[in-house]
Amino acid sequence: MTFTVAIDGPAAAGKGTISKAVAAHFNLPHLDTGLLYRAVGAQMLAGADPVEAANNFDLADLAQDLRKDDIAQAASRVAAIPEVRAALVSFQQRFATRGGGAVLDGRDIGTVICPDAQVKLFVTASPDVRAKRRLEELTGKGIDTDYATVLVDVIARDKRDSERDTAPLTLADDAIILDTSDMSIDAAVAAAIAIIEKKLN
């Protein structure tokens, strides 16, 4: 039996951390789908054709630091190319149904990539909480910024993600909402695991 877990949600809600922990708990492979576009963007910056890079995408392409600003900008550009998106959607769908299943996180997993996933979680938190988390993360990396700036960025990104024409961030009809605003990461992970185990049983 293939068991797919689709985890969507806005930036800094905790879905990446929860997804990794869930995958480890159930011994399933994990895919952070946003990194695929960053990997193709990185290849484009290195001179590759983005469509060719997407068509030949391999998990080994993720084995590099993809969290740099220039790569994030390139990821936005390649994500707007229909052929790139089609190739990466196909890759994600193959990943989701291989072997015993997988955990995928992103913006459109439950709605576009894996509409038939056995479990769909929508991990969210208030913009205020997410801005505080992102500020902590950025200052931890030595980046000089402030709460007001980060909050504006979080709200702007939510607007972009939810209003884009292709695969916007939306709540799947059968997704279970997990609001982590008042949860520690351990509590959020435990809640996600409990939801999945209930579905399994």
Protein backbone atom coordinates (compact mmCIF):
# COMPACT_ATOMS: atom_id res chain seq x y z
CA MET A 1 0.00 0.00 0.00
CA THR A 2 1.20 3.50 -0.86
CA PHE A 3 0.63 6.00 1.95
CA THR A 4 1.07 9.63 0.95
CA VAL A 5 0.99 12.55 3.37
CA ALA A 6 0.47 16.01 1.81
CA ILE A 7 1.44 18.96 4.01
CA ASP A 8 0.68 22.48 2.82
CA GLY A 9 0.77 25.87 4.45
CA PRO A 10 2.16 29.40 4.35
CA ALA A 11 5.76 30.42 5.02
CA ALA A 12 7.12 30.00 8.58
CA ALA A 13 4.11 28.02 9.85
CA GLY A 14 6.36 25.06 10.72
CA LYS A 15 5.37 22.71 7.91
CA GLY A 16 8.97 21.90 6.91
CA THR A 17 10.01 20.93 10.42
CA ILE A 18 6.78 18.98 10.98
CA SER A 19 7.11 17.21 7.62
CA LYS A 20 10.67 16.04 8.33
CA ALA A 21 9.66 14.77 11.79
CA VAL A 22 6.57 13.00 10.44
CA ALA A 23 8.61 11.34 7.68
CA ALA A 24 11.18 10.14 10.22
CA HIS A 25 8.47 8.83 12.57
CA PHE A 26 6.72 6.79 9.84
CA ASN A 27 9.98 5.89 8.07
CA LEU A 28 8.88 7.53 4.82
CA PRO A 29 10.95 9.59 2.36
CA HIS A 30 10.41 13.36 2.57
CA LEU A 31 10.39 15.97 -0.18
CA ASP A 32 10.45 19.74 0.39
CA THR A 33 8.94 20.64 -2.97
CA GLY A 34 9.94 24.30 -2.84
CA LEU A 35 13.58 23.24 -3.05
CA LEU A 36 12.98 21.73 -6.50
CA TYR A 37 12.40 25.17 -7.99
CA ARG A 38 15.41 26.52 -6.12
CA ALA A 39 17.57 23.69 -7.50
CA VAL A 40 16.46 24.45 -11.07
CA GLY A 41 17.00 28.16 -10.40
CA ALA A 42 20.53 27.42 -9.19
CA GLN A 43 21.24 25.46 -12.38
CA MET A 44 19.89 28.35 -14.46
CA LEU A 45 22.24 30.76 -12.64
CA ALA A 46 25.08 28.36 -13.52
CA GLY A 47 24.16 28.64 -17.21
CA ALA A 48 21.84 25.68 -17.72
CA ASP A 49 18.57 25.81 -19.64
CA PRO A 50 15.84 25.72 -16.94
CA VAL A 51 13.45 23.52 -18.95
CA GLU A 52 16.22 21.00 -19.63
CA ALA A 53 17.25 21.11 -15.96
CA ALA A 54 13.65 20.44 -14.86
CA ASN A 55 13.19 17.60 -17.36
CA ASN A 56 16.38 15.92 -16.11
CA PHE A 57 15.82 16.68 -12.42
CA ASP A 58 17.41 14.31 -9.93
CA LEU A 59 17.30 14.23 -6.12
CA ALA A 60 21.09 14.72 -6.15
CA ASP A 61 20.39 18.27 -7.39
CA LEU A 62 19.14 19.07 -3.88
CA ALA A 63 22.52 18.30 -2.29
CA GLN A 64 23.69 21.91 -2.11
CA ASP A 65 22.93 25.13 -0.22
CA LEU A 66 19.75 26.40 -1.90
CA ARG A 67 18.76 29.00 0.72
CA LYS A 68 20.63 31.95 -0.82
CA ASP A 69 18.78 35.09 -1.93
CA ASP A 70 19.91 34.96 -5.56
CA ILE A 71 18.70 31.35 -5.80
CA ALA A 72 15.32 32.32 -4.27
CA GLN A 73 14.93 35.03 -6.94
CA ALA A 74 15.89 32.56 -9.69
CA ALA A 75 13.41 30.03 -8.28
CA SER A 76 10.58 32.57 -8.68
CA ARG A 77 11.57 33.12 -12.31
CA VAL A 78 11.78 29.43 -13.27
CA ALA A 79 8.53 28.65 -11.42
CA ALA A 80 6.73 30.95 -13.86
CA ILE A 81 7.82 28.79 -16.84
CA PRO A 82 4.96 26.33 -17.64
CA GLU A 83 7.33 23.62 -18.98
CA VAL A 84 9.44 23.77 -15.81
CA ARG A 85 6.37 23.51 -13.59
CA ALA A 86 4.96 20.60 -15.64
CA ALA A 87 8.24 18.66 -15.40
CA LEU A 88 8.58 19.24 -11.65
CA VAL A 89 4.91 18.40 -10.97
CA SER A 90 5.48 15.09 -12.76
CA PHE A 91 8.64 14.46 -10.67
CA GLN A 92 6.77 15.20 -7.43
CA GLN A 93 3.90 12.88 -8.36
CA ARG A 94 6.33 10.04 -9.12
CA PHE A 95 8.10 10.66 -5.80
CA ALA A 96 4.78 10.59 -3.91
CA THR A 97 3.71 7.19 -5.22
CA ARG A 98 7.00 5.29 -5.12
CA GLY A 99 7.50 2.35 -2.77
CA GLY A 100 5.49 2.62 0.41
CA GLY A 101 4.66 6.31 0.02
CA ALA A 102 6.12 9.63 1.04
CA VAL A 103 5.66 12.91 2.88
CA LEU A 104 5.63 16.01 0.67
CA ASP A 105 5.37 19.61 1.82
CA GLY A 106 4.72 22.75 -0.16
CA ARG A 107 1.93 25.08 -1.24
CA ASP A 108 -0.15 22.91 -3.61
CA ILE A 109 0.49 19.31 -2.53
CA GLY A 110 -3.05 18.47 -1.40
CA THR A 111 -4.73 20.35 -4.25
CA VAL A 112 -2.50 19.79 -7.32
CA ILE A 113 0.34 17.33 -6.70
CA CYS A 114 -1.38 14.68 -4.58
CA PRO A 115 -5.15 15.29 -4.63
CA ASP A 116 -5.64 11.61 -3.65
CA ALA A 117 -3.22 11.68 -0.67
CA GLN A 118 -4.41 9.56 2.25
CA VAL A 119 -3.72 12.41 4.69
CA LYS A 120 -3.74 16.14 3.95
CA LEU A 121 -2.58 18.61 6.55
CA PHE A 122 -2.73 22.38 6.27
CA VAL A 123 -0.20 23.76 8.76
CA THR A 124 -0.76 27.41 9.57
CA ALA A 125 -0.19 30.08 12.23
CA SER A 126 -1.05 33.74 12.60
CA PRO A 127 1.06 36.22 10.55
CA ASP A 128 2.29 37.73 13.84
CA VAL A 129 3.61 34.40 15.13
CA ARG A 130 5.11 33.47 11.76
CA ALA A 131 6.89 36.83 11.53
CA LYS A 132 8.38 36.33 15.01
CA ARG A 133 9.60 32.83 14.02
CA ARG A 134 11.10 34.08 10.76
CA LEU A 135 12.79 37.01 12.56
CA GLU A 136 14.37 34.58 15.03
CA GLU A 137 15.56 32.41 12.15
CA LEU A 138 17.04 35.37 10.23
CA THR A 139 18.78 36.96 13.21
CA GLY A 140 20.14 33.52 14.07
CA LYS A 141 21.84 33.55 10.67
CA GLY A 142 23.30 36.99 11.39
CA ILE A 143 20.89 38.83 9.08
CA ASP A 144 20.14 42.37 10.30
CA THR A 145 16.39 43.02 10.12
CA ASP A 146 13.45 43.86 12.39
CA TYR A 147 9.98 42.54 13.23
CA ALA A 148 8.03 45.16 11.23
CA THR A 149 10.02 44.44 8.05
CA VAL A 150 9.63 40.68 8.42
CA LEU A 151 5.88 40.97 9.11
CA VAL A 152 5.39 43.02 5.91
CA ASP A 153 7.35 40.35 3.99
CA VAL A 154 5.28 37.50 5.47
CA ILE A 155 1.98 39.19 4.58
CA ALA A 156 3.21 40.06 1.05
CA ARG A 157 4.35 36.48 0.48
CA ASP A 158 0.98 35.12 1.67
CA LYS A 159 -0.74 37.40 -0.84
CA ARG A 160 1.56 36.30 -3.70
CA ASP A 161 1.22 32.61 -2.86
CA SER A 162 -2.57 32.66 -2.52
CA GLU A 163 -3.30 34.90 -5.52
CA ARG A 164 -0.94 33.44 -8.14
CA ASP A 165 -2.60 32.01 -11.25
CA THR A 166 -0.86 28.63 -11.20
CA ALA A 167 -1.22 26.29 -8.22
CA PRO A 168 -2.05 28.91 -5.59
CA LEU A 169 -1.82 28.21 -1.86
CA THR A 170 -5.33 27.02 -1.02
CA LEU A 171 -6.88 24.69 1.52
CA ALA A 172 -7.89 21.32 0.06
CA ASP A 173 -11.53 20.45 0.86
CA ASP A 174 -10.49 17.38 2.85
CA ALA A 175 -7.40 18.85 4.55
CA ILE A 176 -7.13 18.94 8.34
CA ILE A 177 -6.04 22.34 9.64
CA LEU A 178 -3.22 22.33 12.19
CA ASP A 179 -2.80 25.80 13.69
CA THR A 180 0.58 25.97 15.39
CA SER A 181 0.26 29.57 16.67
CA ASP A 182 0.18 28.51 20.32
CA MET A 183 2.14 25.27 19.99
CA SER A 184 5.75 24.38 20.63
CA ILE A 185 7.36 22.51 17.75
CA ASP A 186 7.24 19.27 19.77
CA ALA A 187 3.52 19.70 20.40
CA ALA A 188 2.87 20.49 16.73
CA VAL A 189 4.79 17.38 15.62
CA ALA A 190 2.91 15.23 18.15
CA ALA A 191 -0.42 16.61 16.91
CA ALA A 192 0.48 15.89 13.27
CA ILE A 193 1.55 12.33 14.10
CA ALA A 194 -1.69 11.77 16.06
CA ILE A 195 -3.79 12.94 13.08
CA ILE A 196 -1.93 10.61 10.70
CA GLU A 197 -2.10 7.61 13.05
CA LYS A 198 -5.85 8.13 13.42
CA LYS A 199 -6.18 8.02 9.61
CA LEU A 200 -3.99 4.93 9.40
CA ASN A 201 -6.16 3.12 11.92
